[in-house]
All heavy atoms as atom14 arrays in JSON, in Angstrom:
{
  "sequence": "GSKLPHRFSMVRSFQLADFVTLGNGVCGCLSLMF",
  "atom14_mask": [
    [1, 1, 1, 1, 0, 0, 0, 0, 0, 0, 0, 0, 0, 0],
    [1, 1, 1, 1, 1, 1, 0, 0, 0, 0, 0, 0, 0, 0],
    [1, 1, 1, 1, 1, 1, 1, 1, 1, 0, 0, 0, 0, 0],
    [1, 1, 1, 1, 1, 1, 1, 1, 0, 0, 0, 0, 0, 0],
    [1, 1, 1, 1, 1, 1, 1, 0, 0, 0, 0, 0, 0, 0],
    [1, 1, 1, 1, 1, 1, 1, 1, 1, 1, 0, 0, 0, 0],
    [1, 1, 1, 1, 1, 1, 1, 1, 1, 1, 1, 0, 0, 0],
    [1, 1, 1, 1, 1, 1, 1, 1, 1, 1, 1, 0, 0, 0],
    [1, 1, 1, 1, 1, 1, 0, 0, 0, 0, 0, 0, 0, 0],
    [1, 1, 1, 1, 1, 1, 1, 1, 0, 0, 0, 0, 0, 0],
    [1, 1, 1, 1, 1, 1, 1, 0, 0, 0, 0, 0, 0, 0],
    [1, 1, 1, 1, 1, 1, 1, 1, 1, 1, 1, 0, 0, 0],
    [1, 1, 1, 1, 1, 1, 0, 0, 0, 0, 0, 0, 0, 0],
    [1, 1, 1, 1, 1, 1, 1, 1, 1, 1, 1, 0, 0, 0],
    [1, 1, 1, 1, 1, 1, 1, 1, 1, 0, 0, 0, 0, 0],
    [1, 1, 1, 1, 1, 1, 1, 1, 0, 0, 0, 0, 0, 0],
    [1, 1, 1, 1, 1, 0, 0, 0, 0, 0, 0, 0, 0, 0],
    [1, 1, 1, 1, 1, 1, 1, 1, 0, 0, 0, 0, 0, 0],
    [1, 1, 1, 1, 1, 1, 1, 1, 1, 1, 1, 0, 0, 0],
    [1, 1, 1, 1, 1, 1, 1, 0, 0, 0, 0, 0, 0, 0],
    [1, 1, 1, 1, 1, 1, 1, 0, 0, 0, 0, 0, 0, 0],
    [1, 1, 1, 1, 1, 1, 1, 1, 0, 0, 0, 0, 0, 0],
    [1, 1, 1, 1, 0, 0, 0, 0, 0, 0, 0, 0, 0, 0],
    [1, 1, 1, 1, 1, 1, 1, 1, 0, 0, 0, 0, 0, 0],
    [1, 1, 1, 1, 0, 0, 0, 0, 0, 0, 0, 0, 0, 0],
    [1, 1, 1, 1, 1, 1, 1, 0, 0, 0, 0, 0, 0, 0],
    [1, 1, 1, 1, 1, 1, 0, 0, 0, 0, 0, 0, 0, 0],
    [1, 1, 1, 1, 0, 0, 0, 0, 0, 0, 0, 0, 0, 0],
    [1, 1, 1, 1, 1, 1, 0, 0, 0, 0, 0, 0, 0, 0],
    [1, 1, 1, 1, 1, 1, 1, 1, 0, 0, 0, 0, 0, 0],
    [1, 1, 1, 1, 1, 1, 0, 0, 0, 0, 0, 0, 0, 0],
    [1, 1, 1, 1, 1, 1, 1, 1, 0, 0, 0, 0, 0, 0],
    [1, 1, 1, 1, 1, 1, 1, 1, 0, 0, 0, 0, 0, 0],
    [1, 1, 1, 1, 1, 1, 1, 1, 1, 1, 1, 0, 0, 0]
  ],
  "atom14_positions": [
    [[-31.52, 9.65, -22.82], [-30.3, 9.83, -22.02], [-30.5, 10.26, -20.6], [-29.54, 10.5, -19.84], [0.0, 0.0, 0.0], [0.0, 0.0, 0.0], [0.0, 0.0, 0.0], [0.0, 0.0, 0.0], [0.0, 0.0, 0.0], [0.0, 0.0, 0.0], [0.0, 0.0, 0.0], [0.0, 0.0, 0.0], [0.0, 0.0, 0.0], [0.0, 0.0, 0.0]],
    [[-31.77, 10.43, -20.19], [-32.03, 10.95, -18.78], [-32.16, 9.86, -17.76], [-32.4, 10.17, -16.63], [-33.31, 11.79, -18.84], [-34.46, 10.93, -19.15], [0.0, 0.0, 0.0], [0.0, 0.0, 0.0], [0.0, 0.0, 0.0], [0.0, 0.0, 0.0], [0.0, 0.0, 0.0], [0.0, 0.0, 0.0], [0.0, 0.0, 0.0], [0.0, 0.0, 0.0]],
    [[-32.01, 8.64, -18.13], [-32.15, 7.52, -17.2], [-30.97, 7.56, -16.25], [-29.83, 7.57, -16.64], [-32.22, 6.16, -17.9], [-32.46, 5.01, -17.01], [-32.49, 3.71, -17.79], [-32.74, 2.56, -16.86], [-32.79, 1.23, -17.62], [0.0, 0.0, 0.0], [0.0, 0.0, 0.0], [0.0, 0.0, 0.0], [0.0, 0.0, 0.0], [0.0, 0.0, 0.0]],
    [[-31.29, 7.5, -14.94], [-30.27, 7.56, -13.91], [-29.5, 6.26, -13.88], [-30.03, 5.18, -14.07], [-30.89, 7.85, -12.54], [-31.5, 9.23, -12.35], [-32.17, 9.31, -11.0], [-30.46, 10.31, -12.47], [0.0, 0.0, 0.0], [0.0, 0.0, 0.0], [0.0, 0.0, 0.0], [0.0, 0.0, 0.0], [0.0, 0.0, 0.0], [0.0, 0.0, 0.0]],
    [[-28.17, 6.31, -13.59], [-27.4, 5.08, -13.48], [-27.82, 4.29, -12.24], [-28.4, 4.82, -11.3], [-25.98, 5.57, -13.38], [-26.08, 6.97, -12.85], [-27.32, 7.54, -13.38], [0.0, 0.0, 0.0], [0.0, 0.0, 0.0], [0.0, 0.0, 0.0], [0.0, 0.0, 0.0], [0.0, 0.0, 0.0], [0.0, 0.0, 0.0], [0.0, 0.0, 0.0]],
    [[-27.42, 3.02, -12.24], [-27.76, 2.2, -11.05], [-26.92, 2.7, -9.8], [-25.9, 3.31, -9.98], [-27.36, 0.74, -11.34], [-28.25, 0.09, -12.44], [-29.53, -0.12, -12.28], [-27.87, -0.32, -13.64], [-29.99, -0.67, -13.38], [-29.03, -0.78, -14.25], [0.0, 0.0, 0.0], [0.0, 0.0, 0.0], [0.0, 0.0, 0.0], [0.0, 0.0, 0.0]],
    [[-27.44, 2.4, -8.68], [-26.77, 2.81, -7.43], [-25.41, 2.14, -7.35], [-25.25, 0.97, -7.72], [-27.59, 2.42, -6.18], [-28.88, 3.29, -6.05], [-29.65, 2.87, -4.78], [-30.81, 3.74, -4.57], [-32.0, 3.47, -5.09], [-32.19, 2.41, -5.88], [-32.99, 4.3, -4.85], [0.0, 0.0, 0.0], [0.0, 0.0, 0.0], [0.0, 0.0, 0.0]],
    [[-24.44, 2.91, -6.88], [-23.07, 2.47, -6.75], [-22.49, 1.91, -8.06], [-21.71, 0.97, -8.04], [-22.96, 1.36, -5.6], [-23.5, 1.8, -4.27], [-24.78, 1.29, -3.81], [-22.84, 2.72, -3.49], [-25.2, 1.69, -2.6], [-23.29, 3.11, -2.29], [-24.53, 2.62, -1.8], [0.0, 0.0, 0.0], [0.0, 0.0, 0.0], [0.0, 0.0, 0.0]],
    [[-22.9, 2.5, -9.14], [-22.47, 2.0, -10.46], [-20.96, 2.1, -10.61], [-20.34, 1.25, -11.25], [-23.17, 2.74, -11.58], [-22.89, 4.15, -11.47], [0.0, 0.0, 0.0], [0.0, 0.0, 0.0], [0.0, 0.0, 0.0], [0.0, 0.0, 0.0], [0.0, 0.0, 0.0], [0.0, 0.0, 0.0], [0.0, 0.0, 0.0], [0.0, 0.0, 0.0]],
    [[-20.34, 3.18, -10.05], [-18.9, 3.3, -10.2], [-18.18, 2.21, -9.43], [-17.29, 1.55, -9.97], [-18.43, 4.64, -9.69], [-16.97, 4.9, -9.95], [-16.31, 6.43, -9.19], [-16.3, 6.0, -7.48], [0.0, 0.0, 0.0], [0.0, 0.0, 0.0], [0.0, 0.0, 0.0], [0.0, 0.0, 0.0], [0.0, 0.0, 0.0], [0.0, 0.0, 0.0]],
    [[-18.6, 1.94, -8.19], [-17.91, 0.92, -7.43], [-18.14, -0.44, -8.03], [-17.21, -1.27, -8.07], [-18.48, 0.97, -5.95], [-17.83, -0.19, -5.14], [-18.17, 2.27, -5.27], [0.0, 0.0, 0.0], [0.0, 0.0, 0.0], [0.0, 0.0, 0.0], [0.0, 0.0, 0.0], [0.0, 0.0, 0.0], [0.0, 0.0, 0.0], [0.0, 0.0, 0.0]],
    [[-19.33, -0.66, -8.59], [-19.61, -1.98, -9.19], [-18.83, -2.18, -10.46], [-18.65, -3.32, -10.89], [-21.12, -2.09, -9.47], [-21.99, -2.21, -8.21], [-23.46, -1.91, -8.43], [-24.03, -2.89, -9.39], [-25.28, -2.84, -9.78], [-26.08, -1.78, -9.31], [-25.76, -3.73, -10.56], [0.0, 0.0, 0.0], [0.0, 0.0, 0.0], [0.0, 0.0, 0.0]],
    [[-18.35, -1.07, -11.05], [-17.55, -1.2, -12.26], [-16.09, -1.46, -11.98], [-15.29, -1.73, -12.9], [-17.7, 0.08, -13.1], [-17.02, 1.14, -12.47], [0.0, 0.0, 0.0], [0.0, 0.0, 0.0], [0.0, 0.0, 0.0], [0.0, 0.0, 0.0], [0.0, 0.0, 0.0], [0.0, 0.0, 0.0], [0.0, 0.0, 0.0], [0.0, 0.0, 0.0]],
    [[-15.69, -1.39, -10.69], [-14.26, -1.59, -10.33], [-13.9, -3.03, -10.59], [-14.65, -4.0, -10.32], [-14.0, -1.26, -8.88], [-13.81, 0.15, -8.58], [-13.87, 1.13, -9.58], [-13.56, 0.59, -7.27], [-13.72, 2.45, -9.32], [-13.39, 1.94, -6.99], [-13.47, 2.86, -8.04], [0.0, 0.0, 0.0], [0.0, 0.0, 0.0], [0.0, 0.0, 0.0]],
    [[-12.66, -3.22, -11.1], [-12.08, -4.54, -11.19], [-11.32, -4.82, -9.89], [-11.11, -3.98, -9.06], [-11.09, -4.61, -12.31], [-11.64, -4.19, -13.67], [-12.7, -5.2, -14.22], [-12.59, -6.41, -13.9], [-13.62, -4.76, -15.02], [0.0, 0.0, 0.0], [0.0, 0.0, 0.0], [0.0, 0.0, 0.0], [0.0, 0.0, 0.0], [0.0, 0.0, 0.0]],
    [[-10.94, -6.11, -9.7], [-10.22, -6.46, -8.46], [-8.92, -5.65, -8.36], [-8.54, -5.21, -7.27], [-9.83, -7.97, -8.52], [-9.04, -8.51, -7.33], [-9.76, -8.3, -6.01], [-8.68, -10.0, -7.57], [0.0, 0.0, 0.0], [0.0, 0.0, 0.0], [0.0, 0.0, 0.0], [0.0, 0.0, 0.0], [0.0, 0.0, 0.0], [0.0, 0.0, 0.0]],
    [[-8.25, -5.38, -9.47], [-6.99, -4.6, -9.44], [-7.3, -3.2, -8.93], [-6.41, -2.56, -8.29], [-6.37, -4.56, -10.84], [0.0, 0.0, 0.0], [0.0, 0.0, 0.0], [0.0, 0.0, 0.0], [0.0, 0.0, 0.0], [0.0, 0.0, 0.0], [0.0, 0.0, 0.0], [0.0, 0.0, 0.0], [0.0, 0.0, 0.0], [0.0, 0.0, 0.0]],
    [[-8.46, -2.61, -9.23], [-8.77, -1.27, -8.76], [-8.9, -1.23, -7.27], [-8.45, -0.23, -6.64], [-10.08, -0.8, -9.42], [-9.97, -0.74, -10.93], [-8.87, -0.42, -11.41], [-10.99, -0.87, -11.58], [0.0, 0.0, 0.0], [0.0, 0.0, 0.0], [0.0, 0.0, 0.0], [0.0, 0.0, 0.0], [0.0, 0.0, 0.0], [0.0, 0.0, 0.0]],
    [[-9.42, -2.29, -6.64], [-9.54, -2.3, -5.17], [-8.13, -2.43, -4.57], [-7.85, -1.85, -3.51], [-10.41, -3.47, -4.73], [-11.88, -3.23, -5.02], [-12.52, -3.89, -6.01], [-12.56, -2.35, -4.21], [-13.86, -3.65, -6.26], [-13.93, -2.11, -4.42], [-14.56, -2.73, -5.45], [0.0, 0.0, 0.0], [0.0, 0.0, 0.0], [0.0, 0.0, 0.0]],
    [[-7.24, -3.16, -5.27], [-5.83, -3.3, -4.76], [-5.21, -1.89, -4.83], [-4.48, -1.46, -3.9], [-5.07, -4.3, -5.57], [-3.6, -4.35, -5.1], [-5.7, -5.7, -5.43], [0.0, 0.0, 0.0], [0.0, 0.0, 0.0], [0.0, 0.0, 0.0], [0.0, 0.0, 0.0], [0.0, 0.0, 0.0], [0.0, 0.0, 0.0], [0.0, 0.0, 0.0]],
    [[-5.48, -1.15, -5.91], [-4.92, 0.2, -6.07], [-5.45, 1.11, -4.94], [-4.73, 1.96, -4.44], [-5.32, 0.75, -7.45], [-4.77, -0.1, -8.44], [-4.69, 2.13, -7.64], [0.0, 0.0, 0.0], [0.0, 0.0, 0.0], [0.0, 0.0, 0.0], [0.0, 0.0, 0.0], [0.0, 0.0, 0.0], [0.0, 0.0, 0.0], [0.0, 0.0, 0.0]],
    [[-6.71, 0.95, -4.59], [-7.23, 1.78, -3.52], [-6.53, 1.48, -2.2], [-6.4, 2.35, -1.36], [-8.73, 1.46, -3.39], [-9.65, 2.16, -4.42], [-11.12, 1.69, -4.2], [-9.61, 3.65, -4.33], [0.0, 0.0, 0.0], [0.0, 0.0, 0.0], [0.0, 0.0, 0.0], [0.0, 0.0, 0.0], [0.0, 0.0, 0.0], [0.0, 0.0, 0.0]],
    [[-6.03, 0.25, -2.04], [-5.24, -0.1, -0.89], [-3.98, 0.79, -0.77], [-3.6, 1.19, 0.29], [0.0, 0.0, 0.0], [0.0, 0.0, 0.0], [0.0, 0.0, 0.0], [0.0, 0.0, 0.0], [0.0, 0.0, 0.0], [0.0, 0.0, 0.0], [0.0, 0.0, 0.0], [0.0, 0.0, 0.0], [0.0, 0.0, 0.0], [0.0, 0.0, 0.0]],
    [[-3.4, 1.08, -1.92], [-2.25, 1.96, -1.98], [-2.66, 3.36, -1.54], [-1.97, 4.03, -0.74], [-1.7, 1.99, -3.44], [-0.53, 2.9, -3.59], [0.05, 3.34, -2.65], [-0.17, 3.15, -4.83], [0.0, 0.0, 0.0], [0.0, 0.0, 0.0], [0.0, 0.0, 0.0], [0.0, 0.0, 0.0], [0.0, 0.0, 0.0], [0.0, 0.0, 0.0]],
    [[-3.78, 3.85, -2.04], [-4.27, 5.17, -1.64], [-4.58, 5.26, -0.14], [-4.29, 6.29, 0.48], [0.0, 0.0, 0.0], [0.0, 0.0, 0.0], [0.0, 0.0, 0.0], [0.0, 0.0, 0.0], [0.0, 0.0, 0.0], [0.0, 0.0, 0.0], [0.0, 0.0, 0.0], [0.0, 0.0, 0.0], [0.0, 0.0, 0.0], [0.0, 0.0, 0.0]],
    [[-5.13, 4.16, 0.41], [-5.4, 4.14, 1.82], [-4.12, 4.27, 2.64], [-4.08, 4.98, 3.63], [-6.16, 2.82, 2.17], [-6.24, 2.66, 3.68], [-7.6, 2.88, 1.59], [0.0, 0.0, 0.0], [0.0, 0.0, 0.0], [0.0, 0.0, 0.0], [0.0, 0.0, 0.0], [0.0, 0.0, 0.0], [0.0, 0.0, 0.0], [0.0, 0.0, 0.0]],
    [[-3.1, 3.57, 2.18], [-1.81, 3.65, 2.87], [-1.27, 5.04, 2.89], [-0.72, 5.54, 3.88], [-0.79, 2.7, 2.24], [-1.14, 0.93, 2.47], [0.0, 0.0, 0.0], [0.0, 0.0, 0.0], [0.0, 0.0, 0.0], [0.0, 0.0, 0.0], [0.0, 0.0, 0.0], [0.0, 0.0, 0.0], [0.0, 0.0, 0.0], [0.0, 0.0, 0.0]],
    [[-1.38, 5.72, 1.75], [-0.91, 7.12, 1.66], [-1.65, 8.03, 2.64], [-1.09, 8.86, 3.28], [0.0, 0.0, 0.0], [0.0, 0.0, 0.0], [0.0, 0.0, 0.0], [0.0, 0.0, 0.0], [0.0, 0.0, 0.0], [0.0, 0.0, 0.0], [0.0, 0.0, 0.0], [0.0, 0.0, 0.0], [0.0, 0.0, 0.0], [0.0, 0.0, 0.0]],
    [[-2.98, 7.92, 2.65], [-3.81, 8.75, 3.52], [-3.47, 8.51, 4.98], [-3.36, 9.38, 5.74], [-5.3, 8.45, 3.27], [-5.91, 9.06, 1.67], [0.0, 0.0, 0.0], [0.0, 0.0, 0.0], [0.0, 0.0, 0.0], [0.0, 0.0, 0.0], [0.0, 0.0, 0.0], [0.0, 0.0, 0.0], [0.0, 0.0, 0.0], [0.0, 0.0, 0.0]],
    [[-3.35, 7.19, 5.35], [-2.99, 6.86, 6.75], [-1.61, 7.41, 7.11], [-1.38, 7.91, 8.24], [-3.01, 5.39, 6.93], [-4.42, 4.7, 6.97], [-4.3, 3.19, 7.04], [-5.22, 5.26, 8.13], [0.0, 0.0, 0.0], [0.0, 0.0, 0.0], [0.0, 0.0, 0.0], [0.0, 0.0, 0.0], [0.0, 0.0, 0.0], [0.0, 0.0, 0.0]],
    [[-0.68, 7.38, 6.17], [0.65, 7.91, 6.44], [0.59, 9.4, 6.72], [1.21, 9.89, 7.7], [1.57, 7.68, 5.22], [2.85, 8.2, 5.48], [0.0, 0.0, 0.0], [0.0, 0.0, 0.0], [0.0, 0.0, 0.0], [0.0, 0.0, 0.0], [0.0, 0.0, 0.0], [0.0, 0.0, 0.0], [0.0, 0.0, 0.0], [0.0, 0.0, 0.0]],
    [[-0.22, 10.11, 6.0], [-0.37, 11.57, 6.25], [-0.96, 11.84, 7.59], [-0.51, 12.66, 8.36], [-1.25, 12.2, 5.15], [-0.68, 12.26, 3.75], [-1.7, 12.55, 2.73], [0.45, 13.25, 3.67], [0.0, 0.0, 0.0], [0.0, 0.0, 0.0], [0.0, 0.0, 0.0], [0.0, 0.0, 0.0], [0.0, 0.0, 0.0], [0.0, 0.0, 0.0]],
    [[-2.0, 11.05, 7.95], [-2.71, 11.31, 9.23], [-1.81, 10.92, 10.41], [-1.81, 11.64, 11.42], [-4.0, 10.49, 9.23], [-5.0, 10.97, 8.22], [-6.48, 9.93, 8.11], [-7.3, 10.61, 6.68], [0.0, 0.0, 0.0], [0.0, 0.0, 0.0], [0.0, 0.0, 0.0], [0.0, 0.0, 0.0], [0.0, 0.0, 0.0], [0.0, 0.0, 0.0]],
    [[-1.08, 9.81, 10.3], [-0.21, 9.36, 11.35], [0.91, 10.43, 11.58], [1.36, 10.72, 12.67], [0.44, 8.05, 11.07], [-0.5, 6.88, 11.41], [-0.63, 5.85, 10.48], [-1.17, 6.8, 12.59], [-1.47, 4.75, 10.76], [-2.03, 5.72, 12.89], [-2.13, 4.72, 11.96], [0.0, 0.0, 0.0], [0.0, 0.0, 0.0], [0.0, 0.0, 0.0]]
  ]
}
């Protein structure tokens, strides 16, 4: 169980829908900053 995961394993596990969801989060962050 001590084997390290591959680099960027979380990002590589994202589905296309997850990246679309991140677009929603980006909009929220930009709204706060603006």
